[in-house]
C-alpha atoms as a PDB file:
ATOM      1  CA  MET A   1       1.651 -20.027  13.203  1.00  0.00           C
ATOM      2  CA  LEU A   2      -2.505 -19.910  13.854  1.00  0.00           C
ATOM      3  CA  LEU A   3      -0.874 -21.475  17.118  1.00  0.00           C
ATOM      4  CA  ASP A   4       2.057 -18.944  17.890  1.00  0.00           C
ATOM      5  CA  ALA A   5       0.608 -16.212  16.795  1.00  0.00           C
ATOM      6  CA  GLY A   6      -3.538 -16.426  17.540  1.00  0.00           C
ATOM      7  CA  LEU A   7      -4.184 -15.098  14.496  1.00  0.00           C
ATOM      8  CA  ARG A   8      -7.686 -15.297  12.831  1.00  0.00           C
ATOM      9  CA  ALA A   9      -7.898 -17.100   9.686  1.00  0.00           C
ATOM     10  CA  SER A  10      -8.510 -14.125   7.910  1.00  0.00           C
ATOM     11  CA  GLU A  11      -5.616 -12.277   9.051  1.00  0.00           C
ATOM     12  CA  LEU A  12      -3.309 -15.254   8.062  1.00  0.00           C
ATOM     13  CA  CYS A  13      -4.371 -15.426   4.821  1.00  0.00           C
ATOM     14  CA  ASP A  14      -4.197 -11.749   4.403  1.00  0.00           C
ATOM     15  CA  LEU A  15      -0.704 -11.263   5.465  1.00  0.00           C
ATOM     16  CA  THR A  16       2.255 -10.633   2.562  1.00  0.00           C
ATOM     17  CA  ILE A  17       5.879 -10.698   3.307  1.00  0.00           C
ATOM     18  CA  ALA A  18       5.911  -7.762   3.633  1.00  0.00           C
ATOM     19  CA  ASP A  19       4.222  -8.161   6.783  1.00  0.00           C
ATOM     20  CA  TYR A  20       6.886  -9.948   8.189  1.00  0.00           C
ATOM     21  CA  ASP A  21       9.306  -8.313  10.064  1.00  0.00           C
ATOM     22  CA  ALA A  22      12.198 -11.300  10.441  1.00  0.00           C
ATOM     23  CA  PRO A  23      14.678  -9.313  12.541  1.00  0.00           C
ATOM     24  CA  ALA A  24      11.973  -8.699  15.091  1.00  0.00           C
ATOM     25  CA  GLY A  25      10.101 -11.773  15.091  1.00  0.00           C
ATOM     26  CA  ARG A  26       6.883 -10.072  14.105  1.00  0.00           C
ATOM     27  CA  LEU A  27       4.001  -9.745  11.998  1.00  0.00           C
ATOM     28  CA  HIS A  28       2.349  -6.495  11.111  1.00  0.00           C
ATOM     29  CA  VAL A  29      -1.390  -7.867  11.042  1.00  0.00           C
ATOM     30  CA  THR A  30      -4.834  -6.353   9.830  1.00  0.00           C
ATOM     31  CA  GLY A  31      -7.311  -7.263  11.690  1.00  0.00           C
ATOM     32  CA  LYS A  32     -11.052  -6.554  11.934  1.00  0.00           C
ATOM     33  CA  TYR A  33     -12.376  -3.132  10.498  1.00  0.00           C
ATOM     34  CA  GLY A  34      -8.695  -2.641   9.176  1.00  0.00           C
ATOM     35  CA  LYS A  35      -7.431  -2.364  12.501  1.00  0.00           C
ATOM     36  CA  GLU A  36      -3.413  -2.798  13.233  1.00  0.00           C
ATOM     37  CA  ARG A  37      -1.706  -4.471  15.336  1.00  0.00           C
ATOM     38  CA  PHE A  38       1.948  -6.428  15.424  1.00  0.00           C
ATOM     39  CA  VAL A  39       2.178  -9.806  16.975  1.00  0.00           C
ATOM     40  CA  VAL A  40       5.616 -11.825  17.942  1.00  0.00           C
ATOM     41  CA  ILE A  41       6.368 -14.803  16.840  1.00  0.00           C
ATOM     42  CA  GLY A  42       8.555 -17.640  18.722  1.00  0.00           C
ATOM     43  CA  SER A  43      11.569 -18.398  17.476  1.00  0.00           C
ATOM     44  CA  ARG A  44      10.477 -22.008  16.374  1.00  0.00           C
ATOM     45  CA  THR A  45       8.055 -20.747  13.957  1.00  0.00           C
ATOM     46  CA  GLN A  46      10.365 -18.396  12.926  1.00  0.00           C
ATOM     47  CA  ARG A  47      12.409 -21.296  11.560  1.00  0.00           C
ATOM     48  CA  ALA A  48       9.815 -22.316  10.226  1.00  0.00           C
ATOM     49  CA  LEU A  49       8.562 -19.573   8.532  1.00  0.00           C
ATOM     50  CA  TRP A  50      11.856 -19.344   7.192  1.00  0.00           C
ATOM     51  CA  ARG A  51      12.333 -22.112   6.064  1.00  0.00           C
ATOM     52  CA  TYR A  52       8.887 -22.229   4.086  1.00  0.00           C
ATOM     53  CA  MET A  53       9.919 -18.702   2.818  1.00  0.00           C
ATOM     54  CA  ALA A  54      13.473 -20.709   1.177  1.00  0.00           C
ATOM     55  CA  THR A  55      11.171 -22.713  -1.084  1.00  0.00           C
ATOM     56  CA  ARG A  56       9.637 -19.700  -2.820  1.00  0.00           C
ATOM     57  CA  GLU A  57       9.578 -16.405  -4.682  1.00  0.00           C
ATOM     58  CA  ASN A  58       9.757 -13.591  -1.852  1.00  0.00           C
ATOM     59  CA  THR A  59       8.354 -10.470  -3.137  1.00  0.00           C
ATOM     60  CA  ALA A  60       7.119  -7.723  -0.600  1.00  0.00           C
ATOM     61  CA  ARG A  61       3.373  -7.887  -2.058  1.00  0.00           C
ATOM     62  CA  ALA A  62       3.455 -11.981  -2.283  1.00  0.00           C
ATOM     63  CA  ALA A  63       1.285 -13.555  -0.119  1.00  0.00           C
ATOM     64  CA  LEU A  64       2.799 -14.751   2.808  1.00  0.00           C
ATOM     65  CA  PHE A  65       0.948 -18.167   2.707  1.00  0.00           C
ATOM     66  CA  ALA A  66       0.487 -18.789  -0.593  1.00  0.00           C
ATOM     67  CA  THR A  67      -1.430 -21.359  -3.029  1.00  0.00           C
ATOM     68  CA  ARG A  68       0.138 -23.346  -5.849  1.00  0.00           C
ATOM     69  CA  SER A  69      -0.541 -20.620  -8.036  1.00  0.00           C
ATOM     70  CA  ASN A  70       1.085 -17.756  -5.448  1.00  0.00           C
ATOM     71  CA  GLY A  71      -2.266 -16.264  -4.663  1.00  0.00           C
ATOM     72  CA  HIS A  72      -3.364 -15.631  -1.132  1.00  0.00           C
ATOM     73  CA  MET A  73      -4.883 -18.587   0.351  1.00  0.00           C
ATOM     74  CA  THR A  74      -8.204 -18.400   1.254  1.00  0.00           C
ATOM     75  CA  ARG A  75      -9.878 -18.641   4.514  1.00  0.00           C
ATOM     76  CA  THR A  76     -11.873 -21.979   2.719  1.00  0.00           C
ATOM     77  CA  ASP A  77      -8.122 -23.011   1.624  1.00  0.00           C
ATOM     78  CA  LEU A  78      -7.001 -22.919   5.043  1.00  0.00           C
ATOM     79  CA  ARG A  79     -10.241 -24.938   6.476  1.00  0.00           C
ATOM     80  CA  HIS A  80      -9.715 -27.516   3.933  1.00  0.00           C
ATOM     81  CA  LEU A  81      -6.127 -27.955   4.912  1.00  0.00           C
ATOM     82  CA  LEU A  82      -6.240 -28.200   8.380  1.00  0.00           C
ATOM     83  CA  ALA A  83      -9.146 -31.161   7.891  1.00  0.00           C
ATOM     84  CA  ARG A  84      -7.179 -32.805   5.704  1.00  0.00           C
ATOM     85  CA  LEU A  85      -3.751 -32.372   8.298  1.00  0.00           C
ATOM     86  CA  GLY A  86      -6.436 -33.376  11.206  1.00  0.00           C
ATOM     87  CA  GLN A  87      -7.749 -36.282   9.679  1.00  0.00           C
ATOM     88  CA  ARG A  88      -4.218 -37.727   8.596  1.00  0.00           C
ATOM     89  CA  ALA A  89      -3.490 -36.692  12.543  1.00  0.00           C
ATOM     90  CA  GLY A  90      -6.151 -38.620  13.443  1.00  0.00           C
ATOM     91  CA  VAL A  91      -7.218 -35.386  15.175  1.00  0.00           C
ATOM     92  CA  ALA A  92     -11.157 -34.409  14.655  1.00  0.00           C
ATOM     93  CA  GLY A  93     -12.546 -30.802  14.628  1.00  0.00           C
ATOM     94  CA  VAL A  94      -9.639 -29.624  13.520  1.00  0.00           C
ATOM     95  CA  HIS A  95     -10.053 -25.749  12.258  1.00  0.00           C
ATOM     96  CA  PRO A  96      -8.411 -22.582  12.351  1.00  0.00           C
ATOM     97  CA  HIS A  97     -10.222 -20.859  15.474  1.00  0.00           C
ATOM     98  CA  ARG A  98      -9.235 -23.812  17.470  1.00  0.00           C
ATOM     99  CA  PHE A  99      -5.662 -22.742  17.033  1.00  0.00           C
ATOM    100  CA  ARG A 100      -6.623 -19.178  18.207  1.00  0.00           C
ATOM    101  CA  HIS A 101      -8.685 -20.352  21.017  1.00  0.00           C
ATOM    102  CA  THR A 102      -5.382 -22.647  21.897  1.00  0.00           C
ATOM    103  CA  PHE A 103      -3.185 -20.165  21.541  1.00  0.00           C
ATOM    104  CA  ALA A 104      -5.372 -17.536  24.127  1.00  0.00           C
ATOM    105  CA  ILE A 105      -5.713 -20.476  27.094  1.00  0.00           C
ATOM    106  CA  THR A 106      -2.348 -21.071  26.951  1.00  0.00           C
ATOM    107  CA  PHE A 107      -0.944 -17.704  27.009  1.00  0.00           C
ATOM    108  CA  LEU A 108      -3.059 -16.888  30.209  1.00  0.00           C
ATOM    109  CA  ARG A 109      -2.373 -20.548  31.492  1.00  0.00           C
ATOM    110  CA  ASN A 110       1.348 -19.378  31.154  1.00  0.00           C
ATOM    111  CA  GLY A 111       1.112 -16.723  33.439  1.00  0.00           C
ATOM    112  CA  GLY A 112       0.159 -14.144  30.474  1.00  0.00           C
ATOM    113  CA  ALA A 113      -1.810 -10.741  31.477  1.00  0.00           C
ATOM    114  CA  LEU A 114      -5.327 -10.414  30.007  1.00  0.00           C
ATOM    115  CA  ALA A 115      -4.516  -7.078  28.973  1.00  0.00           C
ATOM    116  CA  VAL A 116      -1.616  -8.470  26.758  1.00  0.00           C
ATOM    117  CA  LEU A 117      -3.946 -10.836  25.760  1.00  0.00           C
ATOM    118  CA  LYS A 118      -6.481  -8.168  24.549  1.00  0.00           C
ATOM    119  CA  GLU A 119      -4.241  -6.386  22.278  1.00  0.00           C
ATOM    120  CA  LEU A 120      -2.301  -9.706  20.515  1.00  0.00           C
ATOM    121  CA  LEU A 121      -5.667 -11.068  19.620  1.00  0.00           C
ATOM    122  CA  GLY A 122      -6.816  -7.619  18.349  1.00  0.00           C
ATOM    123  CA  HIS A 123     -10.436  -7.464  20.473  1.00  0.00           C
ATOM    124  CA  GLU A 124     -11.808  -4.285  20.820  1.00  0.00           C
ATOM    125  CA  THR A 125     -12.814  -4.553  24.444  1.00  0.00           C
ATOM    126  CA  LEU A 126     -11.469  -6.713  27.218  1.00  0.00           C
ATOM    127  CA  GLU A 127     -14.973  -8.386  27.556  1.00  0.00           C
ATOM    128  CA  MET A 128     -13.850 -10.579  24.246  1.00  0.00           C
ATOM    129  CA  SER A 129     -10.706 -12.212  26.056  1.00  0.00           C
ATOM    130  CA  LEU A 130     -12.186 -12.361  29.386  1.00  0.00           C
ATOM    131  CA  HIS A 131     -14.299 -15.175  28.388  1.00  0.00           C
ATOM    132  CA  TYR A 132     -10.608 -17.252  27.643  1.00  0.00           C
ATOM    133  CA  ALA A 133      -9.819 -16.196  31.211  1.00  0.00           C
ATOM    134  CA  GLU A 134     -12.821 -17.803  32.857  1.00  0.00           C
ATOM    135  CA  ILE A 135     -12.051 -21.020  31.173  1.00  0.00           C
ATOM    136  CA  ALA A 136      -8.325 -20.941  32.177  1.00  0.00           C
ATOM    137  CA  GLN A 137      -9.620 -20.205  36.058  1.00  0.00           C
ATOM    138  CA  GLN A 138     -12.218 -23.249  35.536  1.00  0.00           C
ATOM    139  CA  ASP A 139      -8.745 -25.172  34.677  1.00  0.00           C
ATOM    140  CA  ILE A 140      -6.671 -24.088  37.763  1.00  0.00           C
ATOM    141  CA  ASP A 141      -9.679 -24.563  39.725  1.00  0.00           C
ATOM    142  CA  ALA A 142      -9.798 -28.125  38.773  1.00  0.00           C
ATOM    143  CA  SER A 143      -5.919 -28.621  39.244  1.00  0.00           C
ATOM    144  CA  VAL A 144      -6.643 -29.314  42.825  1.00  0.00           C
ATOM    145  CA  LYS A 145      -8.316 -33.085  41.650  1.00  0.00           C
ATOM    146  CA  HIS A 146      -4.305 -33.544  40.383  1.00  0.00           C
ATOM    147  CA  SER A 147      -2.187 -32.153  44.075  1.00  0.00           C
ATOM    148  CA  PRO A 148       0.140 -34.441  44.341  1.00  0.00           C
ATOM    149  CA  ALA A 149       0.290 -33.812  48.232  1.00  0.00           C
ATOM    150  CA  ASP A 150      -3.826 -34.838  48.360  1.00  0.00           C
ATOM    151  CA  GLY A 151      -2.979 -37.974  45.748  1.00  0.00           C
ATOM    152  CA  TRP A 152      -0.188 -39.089  48.167  1.00  0.00           C
ATOM    153  CA  LYS A 153      -2.468 -38.552  51.069  1.00  0.00           C
ATOM    154  CA  LEU A 154       1.037 -36.692  53.057  1.00  0.00           C
END
């Protein structure tokens, strides 16, 4: 969910079941300063969420991602969960914002529009999203080193 929707940790933790519109495949997200937006999630994430929700009681006010006691997961809970998963996978530095960052860069690499990214991330200004565009452009510029024609000396 973090990777597919580009959510902030607090946004993920605050989601309720009522925030998920399953037929539309989208989430109603309340971001910083109470700013609301909708984000869509892909079919794989929708299937995973459906499987997860089938294992628990689904009342509209319930946390979408709950703790064992059915309360809302906290940012600390999420950070510890991701650290454990990263450790098991042998990946260092796994934290919630890394998923948001990866979402933004991948979105732009795949041809997504900067203005759309701004809305999906819930940024107030385009300036915040421009940081991701600069990184994506650096990747594009560096790709010349991987030119098949240059590598084959055609």
